[in-house]
Amino acid sequence: MIRTVDLRGRSLSKAQYNAELPRATLNVAEAMVLIEPILERVKNGTQADLIALAQEFDGVTPPSIRVPQSALDAALSQLDPAIRTALELSFRVLLKFTRTNSEPAQRQLL
């Protein structure tokens, strides 16, 4: 169960934050063993497999995994212009970093 913790207006030490927001005890290696089959299904599966995963983990069965263009257009028209500007800047910075730091063969794909 997810709980909400309101830390606004509080000045906490690292130990106090850790007490308020405890971390899971599962280590990364154990988590990878658990999620590897799911990642494999996502990577190599079909649309039907992805829909089955949505049902399994989210309890919904979407008619398609593709978001209708009309929904994308509506979301974009309602997006705060400052948020859009920030997202576009983030994209450009990430793209520049990727192009600068990728192997030459990978760079051709970008």
C-alpha atoms as a PDB file:
ATOM      1  CA  MET A   1       0.000   0.000   0.000  1.00  0.00           C
ATOM      2  CA  ILE A   2       1.252   3.476  -0.843  1.00  0.00           C
ATOM      3  CA  ARG A   3       1.148   6.041   1.901  1.00  0.00           C
ATOM      4  CA  THR A   4       1.379   9.790   1.588  1.00  0.00           C
ATOM      5  CA  VAL A   5       4.001  11.561   3.659  1.00  0.00           C
ATOM      6  CA  ASP A   6       3.819  15.344   3.819  1.00  0.00           C
ATOM      7  CA  LEU A   7       7.291  16.742   4.549  1.00  0.00           C
ATOM      8  CA  ARG A   8       6.498  20.323   3.588  1.00  0.00           C
ATOM      9  CA  GLY A   9       7.774  22.877   6.067  1.00  0.00           C
ATOM     10  CA  ARG A  10       9.972  20.360   7.872  1.00  0.00           C
ATOM     11  CA  SER A  11      13.749  20.513   8.078  1.00  0.00           C
ATOM     12  CA  LEU A  12      14.971  16.955   8.544  1.00  0.00           C
ATOM     13  CA  SER A  13      18.373  15.345   8.805  1.00  0.00           C
ATOM     14  CA  LYS A  14      19.272  12.459   6.533  1.00  0.00           C
ATOM     15  CA  ALA A  15      18.544  10.025   9.373  1.00  0.00           C
ATOM     16  CA  GLN A  16      15.146  11.605   9.928  1.00  0.00           C
ATOM     17  CA  TYR A  17      14.332  11.408   6.200  1.00  0.00           C
ATOM     18  CA  ASN A  18      15.336   7.760   6.222  1.00  0.00           C
ATOM     19  CA  ALA A  19      13.067   7.151   9.210  1.00  0.00           C
ATOM     20  CA  GLU A  20      10.152   8.913   7.460  1.00  0.00           C
ATOM     21  CA  LEU A  21      10.814   7.283   4.071  1.00  0.00           C
ATOM     22  CA  PRO A  22      12.157   3.782   4.675  1.00  0.00           C
ATOM     23  CA  ARG A  23      13.634   1.993   1.694  1.00  0.00           C
ATOM     24  CA  ALA A  24      12.667  -1.452   0.496  1.00  0.00           C
ATOM     25  CA  THR A  25      14.792  -4.301   1.811  1.00  0.00           C
ATOM     26  CA  LEU A  26      14.937  -6.065  -1.567  1.00  0.00           C
ATOM     27  CA  ASN A  27      18.364  -5.701  -3.159  1.00  0.00           C
ATOM     28  CA  VAL A  28      18.905  -4.905  -6.829  1.00  0.00           C
ATOM     29  CA  ALA A  29      20.195  -8.373  -7.768  1.00  0.00           C
ATOM     30  CA  GLU A  30      17.103  -9.999  -6.256  1.00  0.00           C
ATOM     31  CA  ALA A  31      14.842  -7.495  -7.992  1.00  0.00           C
ATOM     32  CA  MET A  32      16.472  -8.168 -11.365  1.00  0.00           C
ATOM     33  CA  VAL A  33      15.828 -11.894 -10.988  1.00  0.00           C
ATOM     34  CA  LEU A  34      12.174 -11.127 -10.313  1.00  0.00           C
ATOM     35  CA  ILE A  35      11.660  -8.641 -13.132  1.00  0.00           C
ATOM     36  CA  GLU A  36      13.778 -10.277 -15.849  1.00  0.00           C
ATOM     37  CA  PRO A  37      10.877 -12.431 -17.143  1.00  0.00           C
ATOM     38  CA  ILE A  38       8.661  -9.331 -17.303  1.00  0.00           C
ATOM     39  CA  LEU A  39      11.324  -7.349 -19.169  1.00  0.00           C
ATOM     40  CA  GLU A  40      11.718 -10.236 -21.596  1.00  0.00           C
ATOM     41  CA  ARG A  41       7.965 -10.249 -22.263  1.00  0.00           C
ATOM     42  CA  VAL A  42       8.015  -6.503 -22.889  1.00  0.00           C
ATOM     43  CA  LYS A  43      11.103  -6.636 -25.098  1.00  0.00           C
ATOM     44  CA  ASN A  44      10.125  -9.609 -27.256  1.00  0.00           C
ATOM     45  CA  GLY A  45       6.376  -9.804 -26.845  1.00  0.00           C
ATOM     46  CA  THR A  46       3.556  -8.861 -29.143  1.00  0.00           C
ATOM     47  CA  GLN A  47       0.864  -6.257 -28.616  1.00  0.00           C
ATOM     48  CA  ALA A  48      -1.285  -9.029 -27.132  1.00  0.00           C
ATOM     49  CA  ASP A  49       1.485  -9.791 -24.616  1.00  0.00           C
ATOM     50  CA  LEU A  50       1.652  -6.120 -23.586  1.00  0.00           C
ATOM     51  CA  ILE A  51      -2.108  -5.991 -23.149  1.00  0.00           C
ATOM     52  CA  ALA A  52      -1.907  -9.150 -21.020  1.00  0.00           C
ATOM     53  CA  LEU A  53       0.748  -7.468 -18.859  1.00  0.00           C
ATOM     54  CA  ALA A  54      -1.526  -4.443 -18.418  1.00  0.00           C
ATOM     55  CA  GLN A  55      -4.287  -6.768 -17.243  1.00  0.00           C
ATOM     56  CA  GLU A  56      -1.934  -8.692 -14.960  1.00  0.00           C
ATOM     57  CA  PHE A  57      -0.320  -5.689 -13.270  1.00  0.00           C
ATOM     58  CA  ASP A  58      -2.831  -2.856 -13.659  1.00  0.00           C
ATOM     59  CA  GLY A  59      -6.124  -4.716 -13.801  1.00  0.00           C
ATOM     60  CA  VAL A  60      -7.091  -3.131 -17.119  1.00  0.00           C
ATOM     61  CA  THR A  61      -7.419  -4.490 -20.628  1.00  0.00           C
ATOM     62  CA  PRO A  62      -6.816  -1.652 -23.058  1.00  0.00           C
ATOM     63  CA  PRO A  63      -8.235  -2.127 -26.558  1.00  0.00           C
ATOM     64  CA  SER A  64      -4.855  -1.101 -27.947  1.00  0.00           C
ATOM     65  CA  ILE A  65      -1.461  -0.003 -26.723  1.00  0.00           C
ATOM     66  CA  ARG A  66      -1.459   2.892 -29.176  1.00  0.00           C
ATOM     67  CA  VAL A  67      -2.717   6.205 -27.830  1.00  0.00           C
ATOM     68  CA  PRO A  68      -5.122   7.805 -30.312  1.00  0.00           C
ATOM     69  CA  GLN A  69      -3.714  10.871 -32.079  1.00  0.00           C
ATOM     70  CA  SER A  70      -6.740  12.879 -30.901  1.00  0.00           C
ATOM     71  CA  ALA A  71      -5.828  12.161 -27.271  1.00  0.00           C
ATOM     72  CA  LEU A  72      -2.208  13.190 -27.898  1.00  0.00           C
ATOM     73  CA  ASP A  73      -3.347  16.402 -29.600  1.00  0.00           C
ATOM     74  CA  ALA A  74      -5.735  17.197 -26.733  1.00  0.00           C
ATOM     75  CA  ALA A  75      -3.043  16.598 -24.111  1.00  0.00           C
ATOM     76  CA  LEU A  76      -0.583  18.806 -25.981  1.00  0.00           C
ATOM     77  CA  SER A  77      -3.116  21.626 -26.314  1.00  0.00           C
ATOM     78  CA  GLN A  78      -3.753  21.526 -22.546  1.00  0.00           C
ATOM     79  CA  LEU A  79      -0.070  21.394 -21.571  1.00  0.00           C
ATOM     80  CA  ASP A  80       1.252  24.435 -19.736  1.00  0.00           C
ATOM     81  CA  PRO A  81       3.535  26.269 -22.200  1.00  0.00           C
ATOM     82  CA  ALA A  82       6.310  26.496 -19.586  1.00  0.00           C
ATOM     83  CA  ILE A  83       6.197  22.722 -19.098  1.00  0.00           C
ATOM     84  CA  ARG A  84       6.324  22.153 -22.860  1.00  0.00           C
ATOM     85  CA  THR A  85       9.320  24.492 -23.176  1.00  0.00           C
ATOM     86  CA  ALA A  86      11.108  22.662 -20.359  1.00  0.00           C
ATOM     87  CA  LEU A  87      10.385  19.253 -21.896  1.00  0.00           C
ATOM     88  CA  GLU A  88      11.585  20.381 -25.317  1.00  0.00           C
ATOM     89  CA  LEU A  89      14.785  21.795 -23.799  1.00  0.00           C
ATOM     90  CA  SER A  90      15.360  18.551 -21.879  1.00  0.00           C
ATOM     91  CA  PHE A  91      14.893  16.588 -25.082  1.00  0.00           C
ATOM     92  CA  ARG A  92      17.392  18.748 -26.993  1.00  0.00           C
ATOM     93  CA  VAL A  93      19.986  18.490 -24.215  1.00  0.00           C
ATOM     94  CA  LEU A  94      19.565  14.710 -23.984  1.00  0.00           C
ATOM     95  CA  LEU A  95      19.742  14.315 -27.755  1.00  0.00           C
ATOM     96  CA  LYS A  96      22.926  16.409 -27.932  1.00  0.00           C
ATOM     97  CA  PHE A  97      24.489  14.400 -25.085  1.00  0.00           C
ATOM     98  CA  THR A  98      23.545  11.107 -26.736  1.00  0.00           C
ATOM     99  CA  ARG A  99      24.916  12.154 -30.099  1.00  0.00           C
ATOM    100  CA  THR A 100      28.148  13.352 -28.510  1.00  0.00           C
ATOM    101  CA  ASN A 101      28.674  10.272 -26.344  1.00  0.00           C
ATOM    102  CA  SER A 102      27.520   7.399 -28.545  1.00  0.00           C
ATOM    103  CA  GLU A 103      29.568   5.122 -30.760  1.00  0.00           C
ATOM    104  CA  PRO A 104      29.813   6.193 -34.437  1.00  0.00           C
ATOM    105  CA  ALA A 105      27.573   3.317 -35.623  1.00  0.00           C
ATOM    106  CA  GLN A 106      24.921   4.224 -33.062  1.00  0.00           C
ATOM    107  CA  ARG A 107      25.213   7.916 -33.934  1.00  0.00           C
ATOM    108  CA  GLN A 108      23.907   7.205 -37.432  1.00  0.00           C
ATOM    109  CA  LEU A 109      20.625   5.988 -35.932  1.00  0.00           C
ATOM    110  CA  LEU A 110      20.095   9.261 -34.063  1.00  0.00           C
END
